[in-house]
């Protein structure tokens, strides 16, 4: 990060799973998503994010 002077395009997505299979997600910017297969169907999830805009 220190060597990258323009950080507008920098993205990090966090994904955590516990032993029960429960998930938690968050990202720095909007645009991170994931798909989960549960109860016989795929579902796209857009988690929360920290920064607005680019």
PDB file of N, CA and C in Angstrom:
ATOM      1  N   UNK A   1       0.813  -1.194   0.000  1.00  0.00           N
ATOM      2  CA  UNK A   1       0.000   0.000   0.000  1.00  0.00           C
ATOM      3  C   UNK A   1       0.858   1.260   0.000  1.00  0.00           C
ATOM      4  N   UNK A   2       1.969   1.256   0.705  1.00  0.00           N
ATOM      5  CA  UNK A   2       2.796   2.457   0.763  1.00  0.00           C
ATOM      6  C   UNK A   2       3.342   2.829  -0.603  1.00  0.00           C
ATOM      7  N   UNK A   3       3.658   1.832  -1.432  1.00  0.00           N
ATOM      8  CA  UNK A   3       4.245   2.116  -2.738  1.00  0.00           C
ATOM      9  C   UNK A   3       3.193   2.476  -3.781  1.00  0.00           C
ATOM     10  N   UNK A   4       1.937   2.278  -3.485  1.00  0.00           N
ATOM     11  CA  UNK A   4       0.872   2.588  -4.434  1.00  0.00           C
ATOM     12  C   UNK A   4       0.266   3.942  -4.062  1.00  0.00           C
ATOM     13  N   UNK A   5       0.639   4.977  -4.802  1.00  0.00           N
ATOM     14  CA  UNK A   5       0.190   6.326  -4.445  1.00  0.00           C
ATOM     15  C   UNK A   5      -1.289   6.552  -4.745  1.00  0.00           C
ATOM     16  N   UNK A   6      -1.830   5.902  -5.772  1.00  0.00           N
ATOM     17  CA  UNK A   6      -3.240   6.060  -6.136  1.00  0.00           C
ATOM     18  C   UNK A   6      -3.991   4.798  -5.718  1.00  0.00           C
ATOM     19  N   UNK A   7      -4.695   4.848  -4.628  1.00  0.00           N
ATOM     20  CA  UNK A   7      -5.343   3.658  -4.063  1.00  0.00           C
ATOM     21  C   UNK A   7      -6.822   3.550  -4.424  1.00  0.00           C
ATOM     22  N   UNK A   8      -7.298   4.301  -5.375  1.00  0.00           N
ATOM     23  CA  UNK A   8      -8.721   4.284  -5.711  1.00  0.00           C
ATOM     24  C   UNK A   8      -9.194   2.934  -6.227  1.00  0.00           C
ATOM     25  N   UNK A   9      -8.323   2.161  -6.857  1.00  0.00           N
ATOM     26  CA  UNK A   9      -8.721   0.871  -7.413  1.00  0.00           C
ATOM     27  C   UNK A   9      -8.365  -0.294  -6.502  1.00  0.00           C
ATOM     28  N   UNK A  10      -7.918  -0.029  -5.301  1.00  0.00           N
ATOM     29  CA  UNK A  10      -7.500  -1.076  -4.378  1.00  0.00           C
ATOM     30  C   UNK A  10      -8.728  -1.688  -3.709  1.00  0.00           C
ATOM     31  N   UNK A  11      -8.809  -3.027  -3.697  1.00  0.00           N
ATOM     32  CA  UNK A  11      -9.951  -3.723  -3.106  1.00  0.00           C
ATOM     33  C   UNK A  11      -9.467  -4.889  -2.258  1.00  0.00           C
ATOM     34  N   UNK A  12     -10.096  -5.073  -1.120  1.00  0.00           N
ATOM     35  CA  UNK A  12      -9.866  -6.243  -0.274  1.00  0.00           C
ATOM     36  C   UNK A  12     -11.228  -6.736   0.174  1.00  0.00           C
ATOM     37  N   UNK A  13     -11.484  -8.026  -0.018  1.00  0.00           N
ATOM     38  CA  UNK A  13     -12.723  -8.636   0.455  1.00  0.00           C
ATOM     39  C   UNK A  13     -12.406  -9.637   1.545  1.00  0.00           C
ATOM     40  N   UNK A  14     -13.139  -9.570   2.630  1.00  0.00           N
ATOM     41  CA  UNK A  14     -12.950 -10.489   3.755  1.00  0.00           C
ATOM     42  C   UNK A  14     -14.087 -11.507   3.763  1.00  0.00           C
ATOM     43  N   UNK A  15     -13.727 -12.755   3.952  1.00  0.00           N
ATOM     44  CA  UNK A  15     -14.710 -13.836   3.961  1.00  0.00           C
ATOM     45  C   UNK A  15     -14.358 -14.773   5.110  1.00  0.00           C
ATOM     46  N   UNK A  16     -15.274 -14.978   6.038  1.00  0.00           N
ATOM     47  CA  UNK A  16     -15.029 -15.844   7.193  1.00  0.00           C
ATOM     48  C   UNK A  16     -16.115 -16.911   7.275  1.00  0.00           C
ATOM     49  N   UNK A  17     -15.707 -18.125   7.630  1.00  0.00           N
ATOM     50  CA  UNK A  17     -16.641 -19.242   7.800  1.00  0.00           C
ATOM     51  C   UNK A  17     -16.358 -19.893   9.143  1.00  0.00           C
ATOM     52  N   UNK A  18     -17.412 -20.126   9.936  1.00  0.00           N
ATOM     53  CA  UNK A  18     -17.190 -20.818  11.205  1.00  0.00           C
ATOM     54  C   UNK A  18     -17.470 -22.314  11.051  1.00  0.00           C
ATOM     55  N   UNK A  19     -17.310 -23.064  12.101  1.00  0.00           N
ATOM     56  CA  UNK A  19     -17.471 -24.522  12.048  1.00  0.00           C
ATOM     57  C   UNK A  19     -18.899 -24.946  11.737  1.00  0.00           C
ATOM     58  N   UNK A  20     -19.864 -24.084  11.967  1.00  0.00           N
ATOM     59  CA  UNK A  20     -21.269 -24.382  11.655  1.00  0.00           C
ATOM     60  C   UNK A  20     -21.597 -24.087  10.185  1.00  0.00           C
ATOM     61  N   UNK A  21     -20.653 -23.503   9.468  1.00  0.00           N
ATOM     62  CA  UNK A  21     -20.879 -23.144   8.072  1.00  0.00           C
ATOM     63  C   UNK A  21     -21.474 -21.756   7.881  1.00  0.00           C
ATOM     64  N   UNK A  22     -21.580 -20.998   8.956  1.00  0.00           N
ATOM     65  CA  UNK A  22     -22.092 -19.637   8.866  1.00  0.00           C
ATOM     66  C   UNK A  22     -20.996 -18.735   8.308  1.00  0.00           C
ATOM     67  N   UNK A  23     -21.392 -17.791   7.473  1.00  0.00           N
ATOM     68  CA  UNK A  23     -20.407 -16.926   6.828  1.00  0.00           C
ATOM     69  C   UNK A  23     -20.593 -15.470   7.237  1.00  0.00           C
ATOM     70  N   UNK A  24     -19.498 -14.737   7.164  1.00  0.00           N
ATOM     71  CA  UNK A  24     -19.505 -13.299   7.362  1.00  0.00           C
ATOM     72  C   UNK A  24     -18.572 -12.683   6.342  1.00  0.00           C
ATOM     73  N   UNK A  25     -18.997 -11.585   5.731  1.00  0.00           N
ATOM     74  CA  UNK A  25     -18.193 -10.954   4.681  1.00  0.00           C
ATOM     75  C   UNK A  25     -18.240  -9.437   4.806  1.00  0.00           C
ATOM     76  N   UNK A  26     -17.224  -8.806   4.273  1.00  0.00           N
ATOM     77  CA  UNK A  26     -17.143  -7.348   4.249  1.00  0.00           C
ATOM     78  C   UNK A  26     -16.042  -6.976   3.262  1.00  0.00           C
ATOM     79  N   UNK A  27     -16.083  -5.784   2.728  1.00  0.00           N
ATOM     80  CA  UNK A  27     -15.035  -5.351   1.801  1.00  0.00           C
ATOM     81  C   UNK A  27     -14.716  -3.877   2.024  1.00  0.00           C
ATOM     82  N   UNK A  28     -13.610  -3.458   1.438  1.00  0.00           N
ATOM     83  CA  UNK A  28     -13.228  -2.053   1.541  1.00  0.00           C
ATOM     84  C   UNK A  28     -14.135  -1.196   0.665  1.00  0.00           C
ATOM     85  N   UNK A  29     -14.389  -1.659  -0.551  1.00  0.00           N
ATOM     86  CA  UNK A  29     -15.193  -0.893  -1.505  1.00  0.00           C
ATOM     87  C   UNK A  29     -16.342  -1.727  -2.047  1.00  0.00           C
ATOM     88  N   UNK A  30     -17.346  -1.046  -2.561  1.00  0.00           N
ATOM     89  CA  UNK A  30     -18.462  -1.708  -3.223  1.00  0.00           C
ATOM     90  C   UNK A  30     -17.941  -2.465  -4.443  1.00  0.00           C
ATOM     91  N   UNK A  31     -18.531  -3.606  -4.748  1.00  0.00           N
ATOM     92  CA  UNK A  31     -18.134  -4.361  -5.926  1.00  0.00           C
ATOM     93  C   UNK A  31     -17.669  -5.769  -5.617  1.00  0.00           C
ATOM     94  N   UNK A  32     -17.405  -6.081  -4.356  1.00  0.00           N
ATOM     95  CA  UNK A  32     -17.030  -7.437  -3.957  1.00  0.00           C
ATOM     96  C   UNK A  32     -18.317  -8.230  -3.756  1.00  0.00           C
ATOM     97  N   UNK A  33     -18.395  -9.410  -4.343  1.00  0.00           N
ATOM     98  CA  UNK A  33     -19.560 -10.276  -4.152  1.00  0.00           C
ATOM     99  C   UNK A  33     -19.102 -11.724  -4.122  1.00  0.00           C
ATOM    100  N   UNK A  34     -19.991 -12.587  -3.679  1.00  0.00           N
ATOM    101  CA  UNK A  34     -19.704 -14.015  -3.679  1.00  0.00           C
ATOM    102  C   UNK A  34     -20.999 -14.771  -3.922  1.00  0.00           C
ATOM    103  N   UNK A  35     -20.872 -16.041  -4.268  1.00  0.00           N
ATOM    104  CA  UNK A  35     -22.029 -16.900  -4.493  1.00  0.00           C
ATOM    105  C   UNK A  35     -21.990 -18.035  -3.493  1.00  0.00           C
ATOM    106  N   UNK A  36     -23.132 -18.317  -2.889  1.00  0.00           N
ATOM    107  CA  UNK A  36     -23.227 -19.394  -1.912  1.00  0.00           C
ATOM    108  C   UNK A  36     -24.269 -20.406  -2.396  1.00  0.00           C
ATOM    109  N   UNK A  37     -23.937 -21.677  -2.257  1.00  0.00           N
ATOM    110  CA  UNK A  37     -24.867 -22.748  -2.603  1.00  0.00           C
ATOM    111  C   UNK A  37     -25.485 -23.250  -1.309  1.00  0.00           C
ATOM    112  N   UNK A  38     -26.799 -23.122  -1.195  1.00  0.00           N
ATOM    113  CA  UNK A  38     -27.485 -23.498   0.032  1.00  0.00           C
ATOM    114  C   UNK A  38     -28.913 -23.918  -0.296  1.00  0.00           C
ATOM    115  N   UNK A  39     -29.351 -25.005   0.314  1.00  0.00           N
ATOM    116  CA  UNK A  39     -30.712 -25.522   0.104  1.00  0.00           C
ATOM    117  C   UNK A  39     -31.034 -25.753  -1.373  1.00  0.00           C
ATOM    118  N   UNK A  40     -30.059 -26.265  -2.118  1.00  0.00           N
ATOM    119  CA  UNK A  40     -30.273 -26.629  -3.510  1.00  0.00           C
ATOM    120  C   UNK A  40     -30.251 -25.492  -4.505  1.00  0.00           C
ATOM    121  N   UNK A  41     -29.827 -24.303  -4.093  1.00  0.00           N
ATOM    122  CA  UNK A  41     -29.771 -23.195  -5.046  1.00  0.00           C
ATOM    123  C   UNK A  41     -28.567 -22.295  -4.792  1.00  0.00           C
ATOM    124  N   UNK A  42     -28.119 -21.637  -5.868  1.00  0.00           N
ATOM    125  CA  UNK A  42     -27.033 -20.667  -5.783  1.00  0.00           C
ATOM    126  C   UNK A  42     -27.620 -19.289  -5.506  1.00  0.00           C
ATOM    127  N   UNK A  43     -26.957 -18.528  -4.649  1.00  0.00           N
ATOM    128  CA  UNK A  43     -27.411 -17.183  -4.323  1.00  0.00           C
ATOM    129  C   UNK A  43     -26.214 -16.240  -4.347  1.00  0.00           C
ATOM    130  N   UNK A  44     -26.325 -15.157  -5.118  1.00  0.00           N
ATOM    131  CA  UNK A  44     -25.274 -14.137  -5.160  1.00  0.00           C
ATOM    132  C   UNK A  44     -25.507 -13.155  -4.020  1.00  0.00           C
ATOM    133  N   UNK A  45     -24.441 -12.846  -3.299  1.00  0.00           N
ATOM    134  CA  UNK A  45     -24.527 -11.963  -2.136  1.00  0.00           C
ATOM    135  C   UNK A  45     -23.584 -10.778  -2.331  1.00  0.00           C
ATOM    136  N   UNK A  46     -24.091  -9.584  -2.097  1.00  0.00           N
ATOM    137  CA  UNK A  46     -23.289  -8.360  -2.112  1.00  0.00           C
ATOM    138  C   UNK A  46     -23.139  -7.893  -0.666  1.00  0.00           C
ATOM    139  N   UNK A  47     -21.980  -8.156  -0.047  1.00  0.00           N
ATOM    140  CA  UNK A  47     -21.810  -7.794   1.364  1.00  0.00           C
ATOM    141  C   UNK A  47     -21.655  -6.288   1.569  1.00  0.00           C
ATOM    142  N   UNK A  48     -21.617  -5.889   2.825  1.00  0.00           N
ATOM    143  CA  UNK A  48     -21.390  -4.490   3.158  1.00  0.00           C
ATOM    144  C   UNK A  48     -19.992  -4.047   2.768  1.00  0.00           C
ATOM    145  N   UNK A  49     -19.786  -2.727   2.721  1.00  0.00           N
ATOM    146  CA  UNK A  49     -18.476  -2.191   2.366  1.00  0.00           C
ATOM    147  C   UNK A  49     -18.201  -0.934   3.166  1.00  0.00           C
ATOM    148  N   UNK A  50     -16.935  -0.576   3.260  1.00  0.00           N
ATOM    149  CA  UNK A  50     -16.480   0.509   4.123  1.00  0.00           C
ATOM    150  C   UNK A  50     -16.500   1.881   3.450  1.00  0.00           C
ATOM    151  N   UNK A  51     -15.993   1.974   2.219  1.00  0.00           N
ATOM    152  CA  UNK A  51     -15.855   3.266   1.541  1.00  0.00           C
ATOM    153  C   UNK A  51     -16.891   3.443   0.446  1.00  0.00           C
ATOM    154  N   UNK A  52     -17.475   4.617   0.361  1.00  0.00           N
ATOM    155  CA  UNK A  52     -18.381   4.966  -0.732  1.00  0.00           C
ATOM    156  C   UNK A  52     -17.570   5.507  -1.904  1.00  0.00           C
ATOM    157  N   UNK A  53     -18.032   5.276  -3.106  1.00  0.00           N
ATOM    158  CA  UNK A  53     -17.403   5.846  -4.294  1.00  0.00           C
ATOM    159  C   UNK A  53     -16.042   5.268  -4.594  1.00  0.00           C
ATOM    160  N   UNK A  54     -15.393   5.830  -5.605  1.00  0.00           N
ATOM    161  CA  UNK A  54     -14.059   5.372  -6.012  1.00  0.00           C
ATOM    162  C   UNK A  54     -13.053   6.455  -5.837  1.00  0.00           C
TER     163      UNK A  54
END
